[in-house]
Amino acid sequence: MPTPDALLAEIVAFRRHLHAHPEISDQEAATAHTVAEFLRGCGADEVVTGLGGHGVAAVFAGAGEGPTLLIRSELDALPILEIGEREHRSRRDGVGHLCGHDGHSAILALVARWLGVRRPARGRVVLLFQPAEETGEGAARILADPAFAALAPDYAFSLHNLPGLPLGEVALRTGPVNCASRGMRVSLRGRTAHASMPWDGVSPLSAVAEMLALLPSLGTGGELDEAFQLVTVTHARLGEPAFGISPGEAEVWATLRALRDERMDALCARAEAGARACAERHGLGVEIAYDDVFRHCENHPDAVAILRAAMDARSVVHRPGEPMYPSEDFGLFASHARSAMFFLGAGVDHPRLHNPDYDFPDALIPVGAGIFEQVIRDLLG
């Protein structure tokens, strides 16, 4: 085992390699290969690849019977151009690790190094590197993969870095922590006509204008309480970019958001009814589809208590958190295990998530890994 400084230097280099070679959701093949090779070098008892696409899981088993503890990170980057002059800046134009998934994976890599030297006394630890978190599809695919049945956990934990919170401090709460959200695509069909005689066609122009006002009115945001709902129009397209055609089709995209799944279901029903009524008033056909579907993420009280005890043992400052407006697909693991996610401060003035100049703070790697190692020792010995 290298010295602590040498080990941390190795993990920082691993993180920066991932940062320099980002891959977006469903394209994480090279990232997954790099992670799998690293885990094999840690002496994992089993390395499972191809989970739910490009997912990778490393299993470290104890000598005695006991529960299975899963810790999850993410593999995917974002389709955003990174800016800045750092040496490990993205080598791929228009793609960047601007949410910190490279740092989350580095934290698990450090845990893997520790587990390679000292297995848990009992039970199993599964370190899961999940693909496609940014689209909301990765966790669902992992859980649906037949190979996951052999890894099914009793407890599941994860973290996300959080700019705006002091460096190394933690926000943690019981109950809902991330909103449910989904992308709604409304496609309108009319009939094209010559631009000089628009009355010969059926243009969706008036319906689009109406929907651009209607959809945001269904959810205006505000406090993140049980009544919270928000509808954000993210894209609209009307016909083709041509001067000689009165348009015959259009699309309106909106992101719907609510604190809990039940509230989201009601919001979707209202949005669909409004869109269909609008289309009918204007003599249009309509199709409605959804993408980027995230269920709400909720922390189990037992899992939260375990995390709090581990943070106290490691002298990590933690405070009650508040629900987060963004979504996170880790919540799906709650249907299989007592689960909880905590938020690790990236610094009060640190660039925000998804900003083009964001970079994960390497100083968080030993903090996050230390919390997870303490959880492992507390639960599995």
Protein backbone atom coordinates (compact mmCIF):
# COMPACT_ATOMS: atom_id res chain seq x y z
CA MET A 1 0.00 0.00 0.00
CA PRO A 2 1.55 3.37 -0.96
CA THR A 3 1.84 6.18 1.57
CA PRO A 4 -1.30 8.27 2.10
CA ASP A 5 0.17 11.16 0.08
CA ALA A 6 1.21 8.88 -2.78
CA LEU A 7 -2.18 7.18 -2.77
CA LEU A 8 -4.03 10.48 -2.92
CA ALA A 9 -1.77 11.67 -5.74
CA GLU A 10 -2.64 8.49 -7.66
CA ILE A 11 -6.38 9.06 -7.19
CA VAL A 12 -6.15 12.73 -8.15
CA ALA A 13 -4.33 11.70 -11.35
CA PHE A 14 -7.10 9.14 -11.99
CA ARG A 15 -9.75 11.83 -11.52
CA ARG A 16 -7.99 14.23 -13.86
CA HIS A 17 -7.64 11.55 -16.51
CA LEU A 18 -11.41 10.99 -16.39
CA HIS A 19 -11.93 14.76 -16.52
CA ALA A 20 -9.76 15.10 -19.62
CA HIS A 21 -11.58 12.31 -21.47
CA PRO A 22 -15.31 12.89 -20.81
CA GLU A 23 -18.11 10.94 -22.45
CA ILE A 24 -21.80 11.83 -22.47
CA SER A 25 -24.65 9.55 -21.38
CA ASP A 26 -24.78 6.17 -23.17
CA GLN A 27 -21.32 6.74 -24.68
CA GLU A 28 -19.22 5.98 -21.59
CA ALA A 29 -17.45 2.91 -23.05
CA ALA A 30 -13.87 4.19 -22.65
CA THR A 31 -14.61 5.62 -19.20
CA ALA A 32 -16.10 2.31 -18.10
CA HIS A 33 -13.04 0.43 -19.41
CA THR A 34 -10.69 2.73 -17.49
CA VAL A 35 -12.71 2.29 -14.29
CA ALA A 36 -12.95 -1.51 -14.67
CA GLU A 37 -9.19 -1.86 -15.17
CA PHE A 38 -8.54 0.28 -12.10
CA LEU A 39 -10.90 -1.84 -9.99
CA ARG A 40 -9.26 -5.07 -11.12
CA GLY A 41 -5.96 -3.57 -9.97
CA CYS A 42 -7.50 -3.03 -6.53
CA GLY A 43 -8.09 -6.75 -6.10
CA ALA A 44 -11.88 -6.71 -6.18
CA ASP A 45 -13.42 -10.15 -5.75
CA GLU A 46 -15.56 -9.52 -8.82
CA VAL A 47 -15.81 -6.75 -11.41
CA VAL A 48 -19.09 -6.73 -13.31
CA THR A 49 -19.20 -4.76 -16.57
CA GLY A 50 -21.95 -3.88 -19.03
CA LEU A 51 -24.51 -3.22 -16.30
CA GLY A 52 -27.45 -1.29 -17.73
CA GLY A 53 -25.25 -0.26 -20.65
CA HIS A 54 -21.77 0.82 -19.59
CA GLY A 55 -22.18 0.36 -15.83
CA VAL A 56 -19.38 -1.17 -13.77
CA ALA A 57 -19.59 -2.72 -10.30
CA ALA A 58 -16.81 -3.97 -8.03
CA VAL A 59 -17.62 -6.44 -5.26
CA PHE A 60 -15.53 -6.72 -2.08
CA ALA A 61 -16.75 -9.56 0.16
CA GLY A 62 -16.20 -10.12 3.85
CA ALA A 63 -15.53 -13.47 5.47
CA GLY A 64 -18.81 -13.59 7.40
CA GLU A 65 -22.48 -13.33 6.53
CA GLY A 66 -23.93 -9.85 6.54
CA PRO A 67 -25.79 -7.19 4.57
CA THR A 68 -24.82 -5.84 1.17
CA LEU A 69 -23.89 -2.17 1.09
CA LEU A 70 -23.91 -0.37 -2.28
CA ILE A 71 -22.17 2.95 -2.92
CA ARG A 72 -22.88 4.65 -6.22
CA SER A 73 -21.09 7.19 -8.41
CA GLU A 74 -21.76 8.28 -12.00
CA LEU A 75 -19.75 7.92 -15.22
CA ASP A 76 -21.29 10.40 -17.65
CA ALA A 77 -20.29 13.95 -18.57
CA LEU A 78 -22.27 16.78 -20.16
CA PRO A 79 -22.58 18.11 -23.72
CA ILE A 80 -21.14 21.49 -22.65
CA LEU A 81 -17.93 23.15 -23.86
CA GLU A 82 -15.46 23.49 -20.98
CA ILE A 83 -13.52 26.74 -20.63
CA GLY A 84 -10.38 27.47 -18.65
CA GLU A 85 -6.66 26.82 -18.88
CA ARG A 86 -6.19 23.89 -16.47
CA GLU A 87 -3.88 21.14 -17.72
CA HIS A 88 -6.55 18.44 -17.36
CA ARG A 89 -9.17 20.40 -19.32
CA SER A 90 -11.43 18.28 -21.54
CA ARG A 91 -9.76 16.99 -24.70
CA ARG A 92 -13.16 16.65 -26.36
CA ASP A 93 -14.76 19.77 -27.80
CA GLY A 94 -18.27 20.36 -26.54
CA VAL A 95 -18.10 17.70 -23.81
CA GLY A 96 -17.04 18.26 -20.20
CA HIS A 97 -17.16 16.80 -16.70
CA LEU A 98 -18.94 19.91 -15.44
CA CYS A 99 -21.06 18.23 -12.78
CA GLY A 100 -18.31 16.45 -10.85
CA HIS A 101 -19.03 12.85 -11.79
CA ASP A 102 -15.30 12.39 -12.34
CA GLY A 103 -14.74 13.44 -8.71
CA HIS A 104 -17.49 11.17 -7.40
CA SER A 105 -15.89 8.26 -9.25
CA ALA A 106 -12.48 9.18 -7.83
CA ILE A 107 -13.94 9.02 -4.32
CA LEU A 108 -15.11 5.46 -4.98
CA ALA A 109 -11.73 4.66 -6.51
CA LEU A 110 -10.06 5.64 -3.23
CA VAL A 111 -12.55 3.49 -1.29
CA ALA A 112 -11.68 0.60 -3.64
CA ARG A 113 -7.97 1.01 -2.86
CA TRP A 114 -8.71 0.85 0.88
CA LEU A 115 -10.98 -2.18 0.49
CA GLY A 116 -8.29 -3.97 -1.50
CA VAL A 117 -6.10 -3.82 1.59
CA ARG A 118 -8.76 -4.38 4.23
CA ARG A 119 -11.95 -6.25 3.34
CA PRO A 120 -15.08 -5.79 5.47
CA ALA A 121 -15.39 -8.36 8.24
CA ARG A 122 -18.78 -9.50 6.98
CA GLY A 123 -21.28 -8.88 4.20
CA ARG A 124 -20.35 -7.24 0.91
CA VAL A 125 -19.52 -3.81 -0.45
CA VAL A 126 -20.60 -3.08 -4.02
CA LEU A 127 -19.03 -0.01 -5.62
CA LEU A 128 -21.29 0.93 -8.53
CA PHE A 129 -20.22 3.28 -11.34
CA GLN A 130 -23.50 4.14 -13.07
CA PRO A 131 -23.94 5.40 -16.63
CA ALA A 132 -26.51 7.86 -17.97
CA GLU A 133 -27.41 9.74 -14.80
CA GLU A 134 -27.81 13.02 -16.68
CA THR A 135 -30.68 11.63 -18.78
CA GLY A 136 -32.43 9.93 -15.87
CA GLU A 137 -32.16 6.54 -17.58
CA GLY A 138 -29.09 5.00 -15.98
CA ALA A 139 -30.45 3.86 -12.60
CA ALA A 140 -33.55 2.34 -14.18
CA ARG A 141 -31.42 0.35 -16.63
CA ILE A 142 -29.12 -0.85 -13.85
CA LEU A 143 -32.08 -2.06 -11.77
CA ALA A 144 -33.67 -3.76 -14.79
CA ASP A 145 -30.47 -5.59 -15.73
CA PRO A 146 -30.74 -9.30 -14.73
CA ALA A 147 -27.13 -9.15 -13.50
CA PHE A 148 -28.15 -6.66 -10.81
CA ALA A 149 -30.16 -9.31 -8.96
CA ALA A 150 -26.93 -10.85 -7.66
CA LEU A 151 -25.81 -7.45 -6.37
CA ALA A 152 -29.08 -6.36 -4.76
CA PRO A 153 -28.20 -4.19 -1.73
CA ASP A 154 -29.70 -3.82 1.71
CA TYR A 155 -28.33 -0.26 1.96
CA ALA A 156 -27.44 2.20 -0.80
CA PHE A 157 -25.51 5.45 -0.44
CA SER A 158 -24.36 8.19 -2.75
CA LEU A 159 -23.16 11.79 -2.70
CA HIS A 160 -23.13 14.84 -4.90
CA ASN A 161 -20.83 17.79 -4.61
CA LEU A 162 -22.58 21.11 -4.02
CA PRO A 163 -21.08 24.51 -4.90
CA GLY A 164 -22.37 27.22 -2.58
CA LEU A 165 -21.86 25.07 0.53
CA PRO A 166 -18.56 25.58 2.42
CA LEU A 167 -15.78 23.29 1.22
CA GLY A 168 -15.92 19.89 2.92
CA GLU A 169 -19.13 20.52 4.87
CA VAL A 170 -22.17 18.33 4.32
CA ALA A 171 -25.90 18.92 3.89
CA LEU A 172 -28.01 15.90 4.86
CA ARG A 173 -31.69 15.42 5.54
CA THR A 174 -34.37 12.76 5.91
CA GLY A 175 -37.21 12.78 3.39
CA PRO A 176 -37.30 14.20 -0.15
CA VAL A 177 -33.96 15.59 -1.32
CA ASN A 178 -34.38 15.94 -5.10
CA CYS A 179 -37.42 16.86 -7.15
CA ALA A 180 -39.21 14.66 -9.61
CA SER A 181 -38.95 16.02 -13.13
CA ARG A 182 -39.61 15.07 -16.72
CA GLY A 183 -39.27 16.58 -20.15
CA MET A 184 -42.58 16.94 -22.00
CA ARG A 185 -42.61 17.18 -25.83
CA VAL A 186 -45.82 18.41 -27.44
CA SER A 187 -45.93 17.88 -31.23
CA LEU A 188 -48.65 19.76 -33.13
CA ARG A 189 -49.78 18.80 -36.65
CA GLY A 190 -51.70 21.05 -39.02
CA ARG A 191 -51.31 21.56 -42.79
CA THR A 192 -48.72 23.61 -44.68
CA ALA A 193 -49.70 26.24 -47.24
CA HIS A 194 -48.06 28.82 -49.47
CA ALA A 195 -47.00 31.84 -47.42
CA SER A 196 -49.03 34.07 -49.74
CA MET A 197 -52.20 32.10 -48.97
CA PRO A 198 -51.97 30.93 -45.34
CA TRP A 199 -55.75 30.42 -45.21
CA ASP A 200 -55.30 27.34 -47.40
CA GLY A 201 -53.50 25.59 -44.52
CA VAL A 202 -53.80 25.04 -40.79
CA SER A 203 -50.99 26.80 -38.97
CA PRO A 204 -50.06 25.89 -35.38
CA LEU A 205 -48.82 29.46 -34.74
CA SER A 206 -51.71 30.54 -32.51
CA ALA A 207 -51.65 27.27 -30.58
CA VAL A 208 -47.91 27.61 -29.94
CA ALA A 209 -48.38 31.16 -28.68
CA GLU A 210 -51.16 29.98 -26.39
CA MET A 211 -49.14 27.06 -25.04
CA LEU A 212 -46.09 29.23 -24.36
CA ALA A 213 -48.29 31.10 -21.89
CA LEU A 214 -50.37 28.15 -20.67
CA LEU A 215 -47.66 25.69 -19.65
CA PRO A 216 -45.63 28.01 -17.36
CA SER A 217 -48.86 29.11 -15.68
CA LEU A 218 -49.40 25.53 -14.43
CA GLY A 219 -46.39 25.71 -12.12
CA THR A 220 -44.64 28.92 -11.13
CA GLY A 221 -42.12 27.54 -8.60
CA GLY A 222 -41.67 29.17 -5.22
CA GLU A 223 -40.89 27.42 -1.94
CA LEU A 224 -39.87 23.76 -2.13
CA ASP A 225 -42.79 22.48 -0.07
CA GLU A 226 -45.34 19.76 -0.73
CA ALA A 227 -47.29 22.06 -3.08
CA PHE A 228 -44.24 22.99 -5.20
CA GLN A 229 -44.52 22.62 -8.95
CA LEU A 230 -42.68 24.34 -11.78
CA VAL A 231 -43.06 24.25 -15.56
CA THR A 232 -40.22 25.70 -17.63
CA VAL A 233 -40.53 26.01 -21.40
CA THR A 234 -37.14 24.97 -22.77
CA HIS A 235 -37.64 24.89 -26.55
CA ALA A 236 -40.14 25.76 -29.25
CA ARG A 237 -40.02 25.23 -33.01
CA LEU A 238 -42.50 26.37 -35.66
CA GLY A 239 -42.32 24.90 -39.16
CA GLU A 240 -39.19 25.17 -41.29
CA PRO A 241 -36.88 28.18 -41.68
CA ALA A 242 -38.37 29.28 -45.04
CA PHE A 243 -40.13 32.46 -46.22
CA GLY A 244 -42.42 30.75 -48.74
CA ILE A 245 -44.21 28.32 -46.43
CA SER A 246 -46.95 28.86 -43.88
CA PRO A 247 -46.05 26.24 -41.24
CA GLY A 248 -48.02 23.07 -40.72
CA GLU A 249 -46.29 21.59 -37.68
CA ALA A 250 -44.59 22.69 -34.47
CA GLU A 251 -43.11 21.45 -31.22
CA VAL A 252 -43.09 22.85 -27.70
CA TRP A 253 -40.80 21.37 -25.05
CA ALA A 254 -41.17 21.95 -21.34
CA THR A 255 -39.63 20.58 -18.16
CA LEU A 256 -42.15 19.73 -15.43
CA ARG A 257 -40.93 19.60 -11.83
CA ALA A 258 -42.51 18.74 -8.46
CA LEU A 259 -41.23 17.77 -5.02
CA ARG A 260 -42.86 14.32 -5.02
CA ASP A 261 -43.90 11.79 -7.65
CA GLU A 262 -47.59 12.02 -6.77
CA ARG A 263 -47.57 15.78 -7.37
CA MET A 264 -45.72 15.21 -10.66
CA ASP A 265 -48.39 12.77 -11.86
CA ALA A 266 -51.10 15.37 -11.21
CA LEU A 267 -49.06 18.10 -12.94
CA CYS A 268 -48.55 15.91 -16.03
CA ALA A 269 -52.26 15.22 -16.22
CA ARG A 270 -53.04 18.95 -16.13
CA ALA A 271 -50.38 19.78 -18.72
CA GLU A 272 -51.58 17.05 -21.07
CA ALA A 273 -55.22 18.11 -20.75
CA GLY A 274 -54.28 21.72 -21.45
CA ALA A 275 -52.20 20.82 -24.51
CA ARG A 276 -54.90 18.58 -25.98
CA ALA A 277 -57.62 21.18 -25.42
CA CYS A 278 -55.44 23.83 -27.06
CA ALA A 279 -54.79 21.63 -30.09
CA GLU A 280 -58.48 20.85 -30.44
CA ARG A 281 -59.44 24.54 -30.34
CA HIS A 282 -57.08 25.23 -33.24
CA GLY A 283 -57.96 22.18 -35.33
CA LEU A 284 -54.61 20.47 -34.84
CA GLY A 285 -53.48 16.93 -34.21
CA VAL A 286 -51.31 16.45 -31.14
CA GLU A 287 -48.84 13.91 -29.78
CA ILE A 288 -47.29 14.05 -26.31
CA ALA A 289 -44.12 12.22 -25.28
CA TYR A 290 -41.74 12.32 -22.32
CA ASP A 291 -37.95 12.20 -21.99
CA ASP A 292 -35.48 12.60 -19.11
CA VAL A 293 -37.91 11.14 -16.57
CA PHE A 294 -36.67 11.40 -12.97
CA ARG A 295 -38.60 10.12 -9.96
CA HIS A 296 -38.18 12.11 -6.77
CA CYS A 297 -35.27 11.13 -4.52
CA GLU A 298 -36.02 10.43 -0.84
CA ASN A 299 -33.63 9.60 2.01
CA HIS A 300 -34.54 6.77 4.38
CA PRO A 301 -34.22 7.72 8.08
CA ASP A 302 -32.14 4.62 8.91
CA ALA A 303 -29.65 5.38 6.14
CA VAL A 304 -29.46 9.03 7.20
CA ALA A 305 -28.71 8.00 10.80
CA ILE A 306 -25.85 5.80 9.57
CA LEU A 307 -24.37 8.66 7.57
CA ARG A 308 -24.65 11.10 10.45
CA ALA A 309 -22.84 8.71 12.79
CA ALA A 310 -20.06 8.25 10.23
CA MET A 311 -19.66 12.00 9.79
CA ASP A 312 -19.50 12.54 13.54
CA ALA A 313 -16.83 9.84 13.81
CA ARG A 314 -14.80 11.59 11.08
CA SER A 315 -15.42 15.10 12.51
CA VAL A 316 -17.15 16.21 9.30
CA VAL A 317 -19.34 19.27 9.80
CA HIS A 318 -22.89 18.48 8.70
CA ARG A 319 -26.10 20.44 8.81
CA PRO A 320 -29.75 19.78 7.96
CA GLY A 321 -30.18 20.18 4.23
CA GLU A 322 -33.06 21.44 2.16
CA PRO A 323 -34.66 19.71 -0.83
CA MET A 324 -32.92 20.43 -4.11
CA TYR A 325 -34.61 21.84 -7.22
CA PRO A 326 -32.52 19.65 -9.59
CA SER A 327 -33.35 15.98 -10.11
CA GLU A 328 -31.28 12.85 -9.47
CA ASP A 329 -32.02 9.28 -10.53
CA PHE A 330 -30.43 7.74 -7.41
CA GLY A 331 -33.92 7.85 -5.87
CA LEU A 332 -34.85 4.69 -7.78
CA PHE A 333 -32.55 2.63 -5.54
CA ALA A 334 -34.93 3.38 -2.65
CA SER A 335 -37.28 0.75 -4.06
CA HIS A 336 -34.59 -1.89 -3.41
CA ALA A 337 -32.69 -0.67 -0.35
CA ARG A 338 -32.64 1.76 2.54
CA SER A 339 -30.88 4.57 0.76
CA ALA A 340 -29.59 8.10 1.30
CA MET A 341 -27.64 10.74 -0.58
CA PHE A 342 -25.67 13.57 0.99
CA PHE A 343 -24.34 16.79 -0.49
CA LEU A 344 -20.66 17.62 -0.04
CA GLY A 345 -19.73 21.31 -0.14
CA ALA A 346 -17.52 22.37 -3.05
CA GLY A 347 -16.97 25.89 -1.71
CA VAL A 348 -19.10 28.99 -1.27
CA ASP A 349 -17.68 30.77 -4.32
CA HIS A 350 -16.98 27.71 -6.46
CA PRO A 351 -18.38 27.74 -10.05
CA ARG A 352 -21.83 26.18 -10.10
CA LEU A 353 -22.73 22.77 -11.47
CA HIS A 354 -23.00 22.72 -15.28
CA ASN A 355 -21.11 26.04 -15.55
CA PRO A 356 -18.49 25.91 -18.34
CA ASP A 357 -15.65 26.73 -15.89
CA TYR A 358 -16.63 24.18 -13.22
CA ASP A 359 -14.03 21.67 -11.97
CA PHE A 360 -14.37 19.19 -9.10
CA PRO A 361 -12.25 20.17 -6.06
CA ASP A 362 -9.67 17.44 -5.45
CA ALA A 363 -9.67 18.30 -1.74
CA LEU A 364 -13.08 16.61 -1.47
CA ILE A 365 -11.80 13.18 -2.49
CA PRO A 366 -10.46 12.09 0.94
CA VAL A 367 -13.44 13.68 2.72
CA GLY A 368 -16.06 11.79 0.71
CA ALA A 369 -14.08 8.55 0.72
CA GLY A 370 -13.53 8.83 4.48
CA ILE A 371 -17.27 9.10 5.13
CA PHE A 372 -17.99 6.03 3.01
CA GLU A 373 -15.17 4.04 4.61
CA GLN A 374 -16.57 4.85 8.06
CA VAL A 375 -20.03 3.71 6.95
CA ILE A 376 -18.52 0.43 5.75
CA ARG A 377 -16.66 -0.14 9.04
CA ASP A 378 -19.70 0.79 11.14
CA LEU A 379 -22.03 -1.55 9.25
CA LEU A 380 -19.74 -4.40 8.23
CA GLY A 381 -16.75 -4.18 10.58
